[in-house]
Amino acid sequence: MSTMTGWYAERKPDWSARAVIAATILALLLVAAVPVALLAGVVMMLLGHVVGGLALFGGSILAAGIAIAVAGMSGMRHLRKLVSRSLRVMPLDGTQFPGAAEPQDGGFSDAIELDPSEYTEVR
């Protein structure tokens, strides 16, 4: 038995992954429907329904834009969740090693610490 067999185990996506996939497919379908709506809107305008044709085309663009935004936001949220779960994320407070005491001199023995009155801001 090889140790690599665990790599090929079939994994089912959880509900949030399915939601991201569904939102992406919906966005792709709505983007693909925009040229069809444009053609239908032009036909409607040629038949005399100018406002209806413009509303059809504008509505299809609006729906596609909203679907793209929702898919993008949910995809980024899902990606952030996956990355934070699989990688060891460092804290944002500047400490490199949580729980370890930081040296008082900053770890540099030859560094000179200046008082704010000893330098001026260059503009």
PDB file of N, CA and C in Angstrom:
ATOM      1  N   MET A   1       0.841  -1.173   0.000  1.00  0.00           N
ATOM      2  CA  MET A   1       0.000   0.000   0.000  1.00  0.00           C
ATOM      3  C   MET A   1       0.892   1.244   0.000  1.00  0.00           C
ATOM      4  N   SER A   2       0.640   2.137  -0.889  1.00  0.00           N
ATOM      5  CA  SER A   2       1.440   3.346  -1.032  1.00  0.00           C
ATOM      6  C   SER A   2       0.919   4.453  -0.118  1.00  0.00           C
ATOM      7  N   THR A   3       1.829   5.334   0.286  1.00  0.00           N
ATOM      8  CA  THR A   3       1.409   6.455   1.125  1.00  0.00           C
ATOM      9  C   THR A   3       0.734   7.538   0.296  1.00  0.00           C
ATOM     10  N   MET A   4       0.843   7.470  -1.014  1.00  0.00           N
ATOM     11  CA  MET A   4       0.236   8.474  -1.880  1.00  0.00           C
ATOM     12  C   MET A   4      -1.231   8.197  -2.168  1.00  0.00           C
ATOM     13  N   THR A   5      -1.777   7.071  -1.719  1.00  0.00           N
ATOM     14  CA  THR A   5      -3.168   6.760  -2.033  1.00  0.00           C
ATOM     15  C   THR A   5      -4.122   7.748  -1.389  1.00  0.00           C
ATOM     16  N   GLY A   6      -3.744   8.365  -0.286  1.00  0.00           N
ATOM     17  CA  GLY A   6      -4.600   9.361   0.349  1.00  0.00           C
ATOM     18  C   GLY A   6      -4.775  10.613  -0.496  1.00  0.00           C
ATOM     19  N   TRP A   7      -3.832  10.873  -1.406  1.00  0.00           N
ATOM     20  CA  TRP A   7      -3.915  12.052  -2.257  1.00  0.00           C
ATOM     21  C   TRP A   7      -5.033  11.938  -3.282  1.00  0.00           C
ATOM     22  N   TYR A   8      -5.378  10.704  -3.646  1.00  0.00           N
ATOM     23  CA  TYR A   8      -6.356  10.493  -4.699  1.00  0.00           C
ATOM     24  C   TYR A   8      -7.736  10.168  -4.157  1.00  0.00           C
ATOM     25  N   ALA A   9      -7.933  10.292  -2.871  1.00  0.00           N
ATOM     26  CA  ALA A   9      -9.244  10.005  -2.305  1.00  0.00           C
ATOM     27  C   ALA A   9     -10.238  11.051  -2.795  1.00  0.00           C
ATOM     28  N   GLU A  10     -11.426  10.575  -3.159  1.00  0.00           N
ATOM     29  CA  GLU A  10     -12.443  11.490  -3.667  1.00  0.00           C
ATOM     30  C   GLU A  10     -13.021  12.295  -2.516  1.00  0.00           C
ATOM     31  N   ARG A  11     -13.029  13.611  -2.680  1.00  0.00           N
ATOM     32  CA  ARG A  11     -13.564  14.486  -1.651  1.00  0.00           C
ATOM     33  C   ARG A  11     -14.769  15.214  -2.212  1.00  0.00           C
ATOM     34  N   LYS A  12     -15.850  15.241  -1.440  1.00  0.00           N
ATOM     35  CA  LYS A  12     -17.039  15.967  -1.858  1.00  0.00           C
ATOM     36  C   LYS A  12     -16.945  17.392  -1.336  1.00  0.00           C
ATOM     37  N   PRO A  13     -17.283  18.377  -2.162  1.00  0.00           N
ATOM     38  CA  PRO A  13     -17.238  19.762  -1.693  1.00  0.00           C
ATOM     39  C   PRO A  13     -18.337  20.028  -0.662  1.00  0.00           C
ATOM     40  N   ASP A  14     -18.020  20.894   0.306  1.00  0.00           N
ATOM     41  CA  ASP A  14     -19.021  21.233   1.313  1.00  0.00           C
ATOM     42  C   ASP A  14     -20.028  22.208   0.715  1.00  0.00           C
ATOM     43  N   TRP A  15     -20.992  22.639   1.514  1.00  0.00           N
ATOM     44  CA  TRP A  15     -22.083  23.463   0.992  1.00  0.00           C
ATOM     45  C   TRP A  15     -21.598  24.822   0.516  1.00  0.00           C
ATOM     46  N   SER A  16     -20.579  25.377   1.164  1.00  0.00           N
ATOM     47  CA  SER A  16     -20.109  26.690   0.720  1.00  0.00           C
ATOM     48  C   SER A  16     -19.387  26.588  -0.625  1.00  0.00           C
ATOM     49  N   ALA A  17     -18.681  25.501  -0.852  1.00  0.00           N
ATOM     50  CA  ALA A  17     -18.029  25.307  -2.147  1.00  0.00           C
ATOM     51  C   ALA A  17     -19.072  25.107  -3.241  1.00  0.00           C
ATOM     52  N   ARG A  18     -20.137  24.396  -2.917  1.00  0.00           N
ATOM     53  CA  ARG A  18     -21.211  24.213  -3.900  1.00  0.00           C
ATOM     54  C   ARG A  18     -21.898  25.536  -4.210  1.00  0.00           C
ATOM     55  N   ALA A  19     -22.060  26.382  -3.198  1.00  0.00           N
ATOM     56  CA  ALA A  19     -22.682  27.687  -3.419  1.00  0.00           C
ATOM     57  C   ALA A  19     -21.811  28.563  -4.315  1.00  0.00           C
ATOM     58  N   VAL A  20     -20.500  28.510  -4.117  1.00  0.00           N
ATOM     59  CA  VAL A  20     -19.588  29.279  -4.964  1.00  0.00           C
ATOM     60  C   VAL A  20     -19.641  28.771  -6.402  1.00  0.00           C
ATOM     61  N   ILE A  21     -19.678  27.470  -6.569  1.00  0.00           N
ATOM     62  CA  ILE A  21     -19.757  26.889  -7.912  1.00  0.00           C
ATOM     63  C   ILE A  21     -21.067  27.276  -8.580  1.00  0.00           C
ATOM     64  N   ALA A  22     -22.174  27.222  -7.825  1.00  0.00           N
ATOM     65  CA  ALA A  22     -23.474  27.595  -8.385  1.00  0.00           C
ATOM     66  C   ALA A  22     -23.510  29.073  -8.765  1.00  0.00           C
ATOM     67  N   ALA A  23     -22.955  29.941  -7.917  1.00  0.00           N
ATOM     68  CA  ALA A  23     -22.941  31.376  -8.229  1.00  0.00           C
ATOM     69  C   ALA A  23     -22.086  31.651  -9.453  1.00  0.00           C
ATOM     70  N   THR A  24     -20.982  30.942  -9.599  1.00  0.00           N
ATOM     71  CA  THR A  24     -20.112  31.131 -10.760  1.00  0.00           C
ATOM     72  C   THR A  24     -20.799  30.669 -12.042  1.00  0.00           C
ATOM     73  N   ILE A  25     -21.473  29.531 -11.973  1.00  0.00           N
ATOM     74  CA  ILE A  25     -22.182  29.030 -13.163  1.00  0.00           C
ATOM     75  C   ILE A  25     -23.318  29.976 -13.546  1.00  0.00           C
ATOM     76  N   LEU A  26     -24.048  30.493 -12.544  1.00  0.00           N
ATOM     77  CA  LEU A  26     -25.113  31.454 -12.825  1.00  0.00           C
ATOM     78  C   LEU A  26     -24.553  32.719 -13.471  1.00  0.00           C
ATOM     79  N   ALA A  27     -23.422  33.206 -12.967  1.00  0.00           N
ATOM     80  CA  ALA A  27     -22.806  34.401 -13.543  1.00  0.00           C
ATOM     81  C   ALA A  27     -22.375  34.146 -14.990  1.00  0.00           C
ATOM     82  N   LEU A  28     -21.795  32.984 -15.249  1.00  0.00           N
ATOM     83  CA  LEU A  28     -21.376  32.661 -16.620  1.00  0.00           C
ATOM     84  C   LEU A  28     -22.568  32.561 -17.566  1.00  0.00           C
ATOM     85  N   LEU A  29     -23.663  31.963 -17.089  1.00  0.00           N
ATOM     86  CA  LEU A  29     -24.857  31.854 -17.928  1.00  0.00           C
ATOM     87  C   LEU A  29     -25.463  33.227 -18.216  1.00  0.00           C
ATOM     88  N   LEU A  30     -25.490  34.095 -17.211  1.00  0.00           N
ATOM     89  CA  LEU A  30     -26.046  35.428 -17.429  1.00  0.00           C
ATOM     90  C   LEU A  30     -25.164  36.269 -18.340  1.00  0.00           C
ATOM     91  N   VAL A  31     -23.850  36.121 -18.238  1.00  0.00           N
ATOM     92  CA  VAL A  31     -22.956  36.840 -19.149  1.00  0.00           C
ATOM     93  C   VAL A  31     -23.131  36.318 -20.573  1.00  0.00           C
ATOM     94  N   ALA A  32     -23.318  35.018 -20.719  1.00  0.00           N
ATOM     95  CA  ALA A  32     -23.535  34.454 -22.052  1.00  0.00           C
ATOM     96  C   ALA A  32     -24.884  34.874 -22.622  1.00  0.00           C
ATOM     97  N   ALA A  33     -25.841  35.223 -21.771  1.00  0.00           N
ATOM     98  CA  ALA A  33     -27.168  35.623 -22.236  1.00  0.00           C
ATOM     99  C   ALA A  33     -27.227  37.085 -22.666  1.00  0.00           C
ATOM    100  N   VAL A  34     -26.209  37.879 -22.363  1.00  0.00           N
ATOM    101  CA  VAL A  34     -26.225  39.310 -22.717  1.00  0.00           C
ATOM    102  C   VAL A  34     -26.307  39.517 -24.240  1.00  0.00           C
ATOM    103  N   PRO A  35     -25.522  38.826 -25.068  1.00  0.00           N
ATOM    104  CA  PRO A  35     -25.674  39.029 -26.521  1.00  0.00           C
ATOM    105  C   PRO A  35     -27.049  38.604 -27.040  1.00  0.00           C
ATOM    106  N   VAL A  36     -27.612  37.562 -26.467  1.00  0.00           N
ATOM    107  CA  VAL A  36     -28.956  37.126 -26.869  1.00  0.00           C
ATOM    108  C   VAL A  36     -29.973  38.203 -26.494  1.00  0.00           C
ATOM    109  N   ALA A  37     -29.823  38.802 -25.305  1.00  0.00           N
ATOM    110  CA  ALA A  37     -30.731  39.873 -24.892  1.00  0.00           C
ATOM    111  C   ALA A  37     -30.562  41.096 -25.784  1.00  0.00           C
ATOM    112  N   LEU A  38     -29.334  41.375 -26.211  1.00  0.00           N
ATOM    113  CA  LEU A  38     -29.107  42.493 -27.128  1.00  0.00           C
ATOM    114  C   LEU A  38     -29.834  42.252 -28.445  1.00  0.00           C
ATOM    115  N   LEU A  39     -29.721  41.059 -28.981  1.00  0.00           N
ATOM    116  CA  LEU A  39     -30.404  40.731 -30.233  1.00  0.00           C
ATOM    117  C   LEU A  39     -31.919  40.818 -30.069  1.00  0.00           C
ATOM    118  N   ALA A  40     -32.426  40.275 -28.950  1.00  0.00           N
ATOM    119  CA  ALA A  40     -33.869  40.343 -28.698  1.00  0.00           C
ATOM    120  C   ALA A  40     -34.318  41.784 -28.505  1.00  0.00           C
ATOM    121  N   GLY A  41     -33.485  42.592 -27.844  1.00  0.00           N
ATOM    122  CA  GLY A  41     -33.826  44.006 -27.657  1.00  0.00           C
ATOM    123  C   GLY A  41     -33.860  44.759 -28.976  1.00  0.00           C
ATOM    124  N   VAL A  42     -32.929  44.463 -29.876  1.00  0.00           N
ATOM    125  CA  VAL A  42     -32.919  45.112 -31.192  1.00  0.00           C
ATOM    126  C   VAL A  42     -34.164  44.718 -31.974  1.00  0.00           C
ATOM    127  N   VAL A  43     -34.540  43.451 -31.928  1.00  0.00           N
ATOM    128  CA  VAL A  43     -35.750  43.000 -32.624  1.00  0.00           C
ATOM    129  C   VAL A  43     -36.974  43.698 -32.047  1.00  0.00           C
ATOM    130  N   MET A  44     -37.027  43.798 -30.708  1.00  0.00           N
ATOM    131  CA  MET A  44     -38.163  44.487 -30.088  1.00  0.00           C
ATOM    132  C   MET A  44     -38.210  45.956 -30.516  1.00  0.00           C
ATOM    133  N   MET A  45     -37.039  46.620 -30.599  1.00  0.00           N
ATOM    134  CA  MET A  45     -37.010  48.028 -31.004  1.00  0.00           C
ATOM    135  C   MET A  45     -37.428  48.188 -32.467  1.00  0.00           C
ATOM    136  N   LEU A  46     -37.051  47.246 -33.318  1.00  0.00           N
ATOM    137  CA  LEU A  46     -37.472  47.303 -34.715  1.00  0.00           C
ATOM    138  C   LEU A  46     -38.972  47.118 -34.857  1.00  0.00           C
ATOM    139  N   LEU A  47     -39.572  46.383 -33.932  1.00  0.00           N
ATOM    140  CA  LEU A  47     -41.028  46.169 -33.959  1.00  0.00           C
ATOM    141  C   LEU A  47     -41.792  47.292 -33.273  1.00  0.00           C
ATOM    142  N   GLY A  48     -41.053  48.286 -32.745  1.00  0.00           N
ATOM    143  CA  GLY A  48     -41.728  49.446 -32.184  1.00  0.00           C
ATOM    144  C   GLY A  48     -41.704  49.529 -30.675  1.00  0.00           C
ATOM    145  N   HIS A  49     -41.184  48.550 -29.993  1.00  0.00           N
ATOM    146  CA  HIS A  49     -41.142  48.555 -28.526  1.00  0.00           C
ATOM    147  C   HIS A  49     -39.750  49.001 -28.071  1.00  0.00           C
ATOM    148  N   VAL A  50     -39.461  50.290 -28.232  1.00  0.00           N
ATOM    149  CA  VAL A  50     -38.124  50.817 -27.958  1.00  0.00           C
ATOM    150  C   VAL A  50     -37.802  50.724 -26.471  1.00  0.00           C
ATOM    151  N   VAL A  51     -38.736  51.164 -25.632  1.00  0.00           N
ATOM    152  CA  VAL A  51     -38.479  51.151 -24.186  1.00  0.00           C
ATOM    153  C   VAL A  51     -38.321  49.719 -23.676  1.00  0.00           C
ATOM    154  N   GLY A  52     -39.130  48.810 -24.187  1.00  0.00           N
ATOM    155  CA  GLY A  52     -39.026  47.405 -23.780  1.00  0.00           C
ATOM    156  C   GLY A  52     -37.699  46.786 -24.206  1.00  0.00           C
ATOM    157  N   GLY A  53     -37.237  47.112 -25.417  1.00  0.00           N
ATOM    158  CA  GLY A  53     -35.955  46.590 -25.893  1.00  0.00           C
ATOM    159  C   GLY A  53     -34.796  47.110 -25.073  1.00  0.00           C
ATOM    160  N   LEU A  54     -34.828  48.425 -24.749  1.00  0.00           N
ATOM    161  CA  LEU A  54     -33.771  48.983 -23.905  1.00  0.00           C
ATOM    162  C   LEU A  54     -33.816  48.400 -22.493  1.00  0.00           C
ATOM    163  N   ALA A  55     -35.017  48.202 -21.979  1.00  0.00           N
ATOM    164  CA  ALA A  55     -35.163  47.630 -20.637  1.00  0.00           C
ATOM    165  C   ALA A  55     -34.658  46.187 -20.597  1.00  0.00           C
ATOM    166  N   LEU A  56     -34.924  45.431 -21.651  1.00  0.00           N
ATOM    167  CA  LEU A  56     -34.447  44.045 -21.716  1.00  0.00           C
ATOM    168  C   LEU A  56     -32.927  43.996 -21.724  1.00  0.00           C
ATOM    169  N   PHE A  57     -32.310  44.824 -22.564  1.00  0.00           N
ATOM    170  CA  PHE A  57     -30.859  44.826 -22.651  1.00  0.00           C
ATOM    171  C   PHE A  57     -30.227  45.357 -21.370  1.00  0.00           C
ATOM    172  N   GLY A  58     -30.750  46.444 -20.850  1.00  0.00           N
ATOM    173  CA  GLY A  58     -30.215  47.004 -19.595  1.00  0.00           C
ATOM    174  C   GLY A  58     -30.392  46.066 -18.418  1.00  0.00           C
ATOM    175  N   GLY A  59     -31.536  45.394 -18.365  1.00  0.00           N
ATOM    176  CA  GLY A  59     -31.777  44.439 -17.282  1.00  0.00           C
ATOM    177  C   GLY A  59     -30.850  43.243 -17.342  1.00  0.00           C
ATOM    178  N   SER A  60     -30.542  42.797 -18.561  1.00  0.00           N
ATOM    179  CA  SER A  60     -29.635  41.653 -18.680  1.00  0.00           C
ATOM    180  C   SER A  60     -28.224  42.032 -18.254  1.00  0.00           C
ATOM    181  N   ILE A  61     -27.792  43.257 -18.591  1.00  0.00           N
ATOM    182  CA  ILE A  61     -26.468  43.708 -18.160  1.00  0.00           C
ATOM    183  C   ILE A  61     -26.424  43.867 -16.650  1.00  0.00           C
ATOM    184  N   LEU A  62     -27.486  44.441 -16.081  1.00  0.00           N
ATOM    185  CA  LEU A  62     -27.550  44.615 -14.631  1.00  0.00           C
ATOM    186  C   LEU A  62     -27.538  43.267 -13.909  1.00  0.00           C
ATOM    187  N   ALA A  63     -28.320  42.316 -14.388  1.00  0.00           N
ATOM    188  CA  ALA A  63     -28.358  40.994 -13.751  1.00  0.00           C
ATOM    189  C   ALA A  63     -27.002  40.293 -13.852  1.00  0.00           C
ATOM    190  N   ALA A  64     -26.358  40.393 -15.009  1.00  0.00           N
ATOM    191  CA  ALA A  64     -25.042  39.766 -15.173  1.00  0.00           C
ATOM    192  C   ALA A  64     -24.013  40.422 -14.265  1.00  0.00           C
ATOM    193  N   GLY A  65     -24.056  41.740 -14.149  1.00  0.00           N
ATOM    194  CA  GLY A  65     -23.118  42.442 -13.267  1.00  0.00           C
ATOM    195  C   GLY A  65     -23.298  42.067 -11.812  1.00  0.00           C
ATOM    196  N   ILE A  66     -24.546  41.992 -11.366  1.00  0.00           N
ATOM    197  CA  ILE A  66     -24.805  41.597  -9.973  1.00  0.00           C
ATOM    198  C   ILE A  66     -24.353  40.160  -9.729  1.00  0.00           C
ATOM    199  N   ALA A  67     -24.617  39.265 -10.675  1.00  0.00           N
ATOM    200  CA  ALA A  67     -24.202  37.868 -10.512  1.00  0.00           C
ATOM    201  C   ALA A  67     -22.679  37.746 -10.471  1.00  0.00           C
ATOM    202  N   ILE A  68     -21.983  38.539 -11.277  1.00  0.00           N
ATOM    203  CA  ILE A  68     -20.517  38.512 -11.252  1.00  0.00           C
ATOM    204  C   ILE A  68     -20.005  39.003  -9.912  1.00  0.00           C
ATOM    205  N   ALA A  69     -20.606  40.075  -9.389  1.00  0.00           N
ATOM    206  CA  ALA A  69     -20.178  40.617  -8.091  1.00  0.00           C
ATOM    207  C   ALA A  69     -20.417  39.616  -6.971  1.00  0.00           C
ATOM    208  N   VAL A  70     -21.579  38.966  -6.968  1.00  0.00           N
ATOM    209  CA  VAL A  70     -21.879  37.978  -5.924  1.00  0.00           C
ATOM    210  C   VAL A  70     -20.932  36.790  -6.023  1.00  0.00           C
ATOM    211  N   ALA A  71     -20.688  36.309  -7.230  1.00  0.00           N
ATOM    212  CA  ALA A  71     -19.770  35.175  -7.401  1.00  0.00           C
ATOM    213  C   ALA A  71     -18.363  35.546  -6.976  1.00  0.00           C
ATOM    214  N   GLY A  72     -17.942  36.749  -7.306  1.00  0.00           N
ATOM    215  CA  GLY A  72     -16.599  37.180  -6.917  1.00  0.00           C
ATOM    216  C   GLY A  72     -16.436  37.315  -5.420  1.00  0.00           C
ATOM    217  N   MET A  73     -17.432  37.925  -4.758  1.00  0.00           N
ATOM    218  CA  MET A  73     -17.341  38.092  -3.302  1.00  0.00           C
ATOM    219  C   MET A  73     -17.399  36.753  -2.572  1.00  0.00           C
ATOM    220  N   SER A  74     -18.305  35.884  -2.997  1.00  0.00           N
ATOM    221  CA  SER A  74     -18.396  34.586  -2.315  1.00  0.00           C
ATOM    222  C   SER A  74     -17.171  33.728  -2.604  1.00  0.00           C
ATOM    223  N   GLY A  75     -16.612  33.862  -3.806  1.00  0.00           N
ATOM    224  CA  GLY A  75     -15.397  33.117  -4.133  1.00  0.00           C
ATOM    225  C   GLY A  75     -14.209  33.582  -3.312  1.00  0.00           C
ATOM    226  N   MET A  76     -14.076  34.893  -3.130  1.00  0.00           N
ATOM    227  CA  MET A  76     -12.976  35.409  -2.315  1.00  0.00           C
ATOM    228  C   MET A  76     -13.136  34.990  -0.856  1.00  0.00           C
ATOM    229  N   ARG A  77     -14.359  35.024  -0.342  1.00  0.00           N
ATOM    230  CA  ARG A  77     -14.597  34.603   1.038  1.00  0.00           C
ATOM    231  C   ARG A  77     -14.252  33.127   1.209  1.00  0.00           C
ATOM    232  N   HIS A  78     -14.665  32.311   0.237  1.00  0.00           N
ATOM    233  CA  HIS A  78     -14.367  30.879   0.305  1.00  0.00           C
ATOM    234  C   HIS A  78     -12.866  30.631   0.194  1.00  0.00           C
ATOM    235  N   LEU A  79     -12.190  31.364  -0.696  1.00  0.00           N
ATOM    236  CA  LEU A  79     -10.742  31.214  -0.846  1.00  0.00           C
ATOM    237  C   LEU A  79     -10.017  31.619   0.430  1.00  0.00           C
ATOM    238  N   ARG A  80     -10.442  32.732   1.053  1.00  0.00           N
ATOM    239  CA  ARG A  80      -9.826  33.162   2.305  1.00  0.00           C
ATOM    240  C   ARG A  80      -9.995  32.097   3.384  1.00  0.00           C
ATOM    241  N   LYS A  81     -11.175  31.477   3.434  1.00  0.00           N
ATOM    242  CA  LYS A  81     -11.426  30.444   4.427  1.00  0.00           C
ATOM    243  C   LYS A  81     -10.551  29.216   4.185  1.00  0.00           C
ATOM    244  N   LEU A  82     -10.400  28.834   2.923  1.00  0.00           N
ATOM    245  CA  LEU A  82      -9.555  27.685   2.603  1.00  0.00           C
ATOM    246  C   LEU A  82      -8.093  27.949   2.925  1.00  0.00           C
ATOM    247  N   VAL A  83      -7.624  29.151   2.592  1.00  0.00           N
ATOM    248  CA  VAL A  83      -6.220  29.483   2.836  1.00  0.00           C
ATOM    249  C   VAL A  83      -5.934  29.538   4.325  1.00  0.00           C
ATOM    250  N   SER A  84      -6.832  30.140   5.094  1.00  0.00           N
ATOM    251  CA  SER A  84      -6.586  30.229   6.533  1.00  0.00           C
ATOM    252  C   SER A  84      -6.666  28.867   7.199  1.00  0.00           C
ATOM    253  N   ARG A  85      -7.435  27.955   6.625  1.00  0.00           N
ATOM    254  CA  ARG A  85      -7.540  26.618   7.192  1.00  0.00           C
ATOM    255  C   ARG A  85      -6.322  25.760   6.849  1.00  0.00           C
ATOM    256  N   SER A  86      -5.776  25.953   5.635  1.00  0.00           N
ATOM    257  CA  SER A  86      -4.699  25.074   5.197  1.00  0.00           C
ATOM    258  C   SER A  86      -3.311  25.625   5.503  1.00  0.00           C
ATOM    259  N   LEU A  87      -3.176  26.943   5.628  1.00  0.00           N
ATOM    260  CA  LEU A  87      -1.879  27.538   5.916  1.00  0.00           C
ATOM    261  C   LEU A  87      -1.855  28.056   7.339  1.00  0.00           C
ATOM    262  N   ARG A  88      -0.664  28.150   7.883  1.00  0.00           N
ATOM    263  CA  ARG A  88      -0.516  28.732   9.211  1.00  0.00           C
ATOM    264  C   ARG A  88      -0.423  30.238   9.042  1.00  0.00           C
ATOM    265  N   VAL A  89      -1.467  30.922   9.441  1.00  0.00           N
ATOM    266  CA  VAL A  89      -1.536  32.365   9.244  1.00  0.00           C
ATOM    267  C   VAL A  89      -0.875  33.052  10.424  1.00  0.00           C
ATOM    268  N   MET A  90      -0.005  34.023  10.121  1.00  0.00           N
ATOM    269  CA  MET A  90       0.691  34.771  11.164  1.00  0.00           C
ATOM    270  C   MET A  90      -0.225  35.854  11.711  1.00  0.00           C
ATOM    271  N   PRO A  91      -0.084  36.195  12.985  1.00  0.00           N
ATOM    272  CA  PRO A  91      -0.900  37.274  13.540  1.00  0.00           C
ATOM    273  C   PRO A  91      -0.506  38.625  12.944  1.00  0.00           C
ATOM    274  N   LEU A  92      -1.458  39.546  12.920  1.00  0.00           N
ATOM    275  CA  LEU A  92      -1.219  40.842  12.308  1.00  0.00           C
ATOM    276  C   LEU A  92      -0.628  41.870  13.255  1.00  0.00           C
ATOM    277  N   ASP A  93      -0.328  41.484  14.494  1.00  0.00           N
ATOM    278  CA  ASP A  93       0.172  42.472  15.452  1.00  0.00           C
ATOM    279  C   ASP A  93       1.675  42.685  15.337  1.00  0.00           C
ATOM    280  N   GLY A  94       2.326  42.088  14.367  1.00  0.00           N
ATOM    281  CA  GLY A  94       3.747  42.319  14.149  1.00  0.00           C
ATOM    282  C   GLY A  94       4.658  41.299  14.808  1.00  0.00           C
ATOM    283  N   THR A  95       4.135  40.448  15.666  1.00  0.00           N
ATOM    284  CA  THR A  95       4.984  39.449  16.307  1.00  0.00           C
ATOM    285  C   THR A  95       5.184  38.292  15.344  1.00  0.00           C
ATOM    286  N   GLN A  96       6.427  37.917  15.200  1.00  0.00           N
ATOM    287  CA  GLN A  96       6.721  36.836  14.277  1.00  0.00           C
ATOM    288  C   GLN A  96       6.500  35.479  14.928  1.00  0.00           C
ATOM    289  N   PHE A  97       6.812  35.384  16.201  1.00  0.00           N
ATOM    290  CA  PHE A  97       6.667  34.128  16.913  1.00  0.00           C
ATOM    291  C   PHE A  97       5.765  34.366  18.118  1.00  0.00           C
ATOM    292  N   PRO A  98       4.499  33.974  18.042  1.00  0.00           N
ATOM    293  CA  PRO A  98       3.606  34.212  19.162  1.00  0.00           C
ATOM    294  C   PRO A  98       4.061  33.420  20.393  1.00  0.00           C
ATOM    295  N   GLY A  99       4.044  34.063  21.522  1.00  0.00           N
ATOM    296  CA  GLY A  99       4.441  33.410  22.760  1.00  0.00           C
ATOM    297  C   GLY A  99       5.897  33.596  23.107  1.00  0.00           C
ATOM    298  N   ALA A 100       6.711  34.024  22.159  1.00  0.00           N
ATOM    299  CA  ALA A 100       8.134  34.229  22.425  1.00  0.00           C
ATOM    300  C   ALA A 100       8.372  35.701  22.744  1.00  0.00           C
ATOM    301  N   ALA A 101       9.198  35.937  23.744  1.00  0.00           N
ATOM    302  CA  ALA A 101       9.505  37.309  24.131  1.00  0.00           C
ATOM    303  C   ALA A 101      10.453  37.932  23.119  1.00  0.00           C
ATOM    304  N   GLU A 102      10.175  39.172  22.740  1.00  0.00           N
ATOM    305  CA  GLU A 102      11.017  39.873  21.779  1.00  0.00           C
ATOM    306  C   GLU A 102      12.144  40.574  22.527  1.00  0.00           C
ATOM    307  N   PRO A 103      13.370  40.544  21.984  1.00  0.00           N
ATOM    308  CA  PRO A 103      14.479  41.203  22.670  1.00  0.00           C
ATOM    309  C   PRO A 103      14.252  42.711  22.752  1.00  0.00           C
ATOM    310  N   GLN A 104      14.765  43.319  23.808  1.00  0.00           N
ATOM    311  CA  GLN A 104      14.565  44.752  24.030  1.00  0.00           C
ATOM    312  C   GLN A 104      15.270  45.604  22.979  1.00  0.00           C
ATOM    313  N   ASP A 105      16.439  45.173  22.520  1.00  0.00           N
ATOM    314  CA  ASP A 105      17.186  45.978  21.561  1.00  0.00           C
ATOM    315  C   ASP A 105      16.755  45.714  20.121  1.00  0.00           C
ATOM    316  N   GLY A 106      15.677  44.954  19.911  1.00  0.00           N
ATOM    317  CA  GLY A 106      15.191  44.669  18.570  1.00  0.00           C
ATOM    318  C   GLY A 106      15.993  43.595  17.863  1.00  0.00           C
ATOM    319  N   GLY A 107      16.950  42.970  18.528  1.00  0.00           N
ATOM    320  CA  GLY A 107      17.731  41.914  17.923  1.00  0.00           C
ATOM    321  C   GLY A 107      18.964  42.392  17.197  1.00  0.00           C
ATOM    322  N   PHE A 108      19.226  43.710  17.146  1.00  0.00           N
ATOM    323  CA  PHE A 108      20.387  44.251  16.463  1.00  0.00           C
ATOM    324  C   PHE A 108      21.326  44.847  17.505  1.00  0.00           C
ATOM    325  N   SER A 109      22.526  44.294  17.599  1.00  0.00           N
ATOM    326  CA  SER A 109      23.472  44.783  18.602  1.00  0.00           C
ATOM    327  C   SER A 109      24.163  46.070  18.173  1.00  0.00           C
ATOM    328  N   ASP A 110      24.278  46.334  16.866  1.00  0.00           N
ATOM    329  CA  ASP A 110      24.996  47.516  16.399  1.00  0.00           C
ATOM    330  C   ASP A 110      24.070  48.652  15.968  1.00  0.00           C
ATOM    331  N   ALA A 111      22.780  48.563  16.282  1.00  0.00           N
ATOM    332  CA  ALA A 111      21.831  49.603  15.894  1.00  0.00           C
ATOM    333  C   ALA A 111      21.847  50.731  16.911  1.00  0.00           C
ATOM    334  N   ILE A 112      21.717  51.948  16.419  1.00  0.00           N
ATOM    335  CA  ILE A 112      21.670  53.122  17.281  1.00  0.00           C
ATOM    336  C   ILE A 112      20.231  53.621  17.306  1.00  0.00           C
ATOM    337  N   GLU A 113      19.666  53.746  18.481  1.00  0.00           N
ATOM    338  CA  GLU A 113      18.302  54.223  18.606  1.00  0.00           C
ATOM    339  C   GLU A 113      18.309  55.739  18.762  1.00  0.00           C
ATOM    340  N   LEU A 114      17.580  56.424  17.897  1.00  0.00           N
ATOM    341  CA  LEU A 114      17.550  57.882  17.906  1.00  0.00           C
ATOM    342  C   LEU A 114      16.330  58.385  18.659  1.00  0.00           C
ATOM    343  N   ASP A 115      16.505  59.489  19.314  1.00  0.00           N
ATOM    344  CA  ASP A 115      15.408  60.199  19.957  1.00  0.00           C
ATOM    345  C   ASP A 115      14.710  61.028  18.879  1.00  0.00           C
ATOM    346  N   PRO A 116      13.403  61.201  18.948  1.00  0.00           N
ATOM    347  CA  PRO A 116      12.731  61.996  17.911  1.00  0.00           C
ATOM    348  C   PRO A 116      13.263  63.424  17.775  1.00  0.00           C
ATOM    349  N   SER A 117      13.891  63.961  18.802  1.00  0.00           N
ATOM    350  CA  SER A 117      14.432  65.316  18.700  1.00  0.00           C
ATOM    351  C   SER A 117      15.755  65.340  17.931  1.00  0.00           C
ATOM    352  N   GLU A 118      16.362  64.165  17.664  1.00  0.00           N
ATOM    353  CA  GLU A 118      17.654  64.114  16.994  1.00  0.00           C
ATOM    354  C   GLU A 118      17.560  64.048  15.469  1.00  0.00           C
ATOM    355  N   TYR A 119      16.396  63.990  14.928  1.00  0.00           N
ATOM    356  CA  TYR A 119      16.254  63.965  13.470  1.00  0.00           C
ATOM    357  C   TYR A 119      15.064  64.823  13.067  1.00  0.00           C
ATOM    358  N   THR A 120      15.090  65.215  11.818  1.00  0.00           N
ATOM    359  CA  THR A 120      13.989  66.025  11.287  1.00  0.00           C
ATOM    360  C   THR A 120      13.377  65.300  10.121  1.00  0.00           C
ATOM    361  N   GLU A 121      12.148  65.637   9.849  1.00  0.00           N
ATOM    362  CA  GLU A 121      11.439  65.009   8.744  1.00  0.00           C
ATOM    363  C   GLU A 121      11.832  65.702   7.456  1.00  0.00           C
ATOM    364  N   VAL A 122      12.147  64.928   6.428  1.00  0.00           N
ATOM    365  CA  VAL A 122      12.536  65.466   5.131  1.00  0.00           C
ATOM    366  C   VAL A 122      11.285  65.518   4.264  1.00  0.00           C
ATOM    367  N   ARG A 123      11.050  66.693   3.666  1.00  0.00           N
ATOM    368  CA  ARG A 123       9.865  66.831   2.818  1.00  0.00           C
ATOM    369  C   ARG A 123      10.260  67.096   1.401  1.00  0.00           C
TER     370      ARG A 123
END
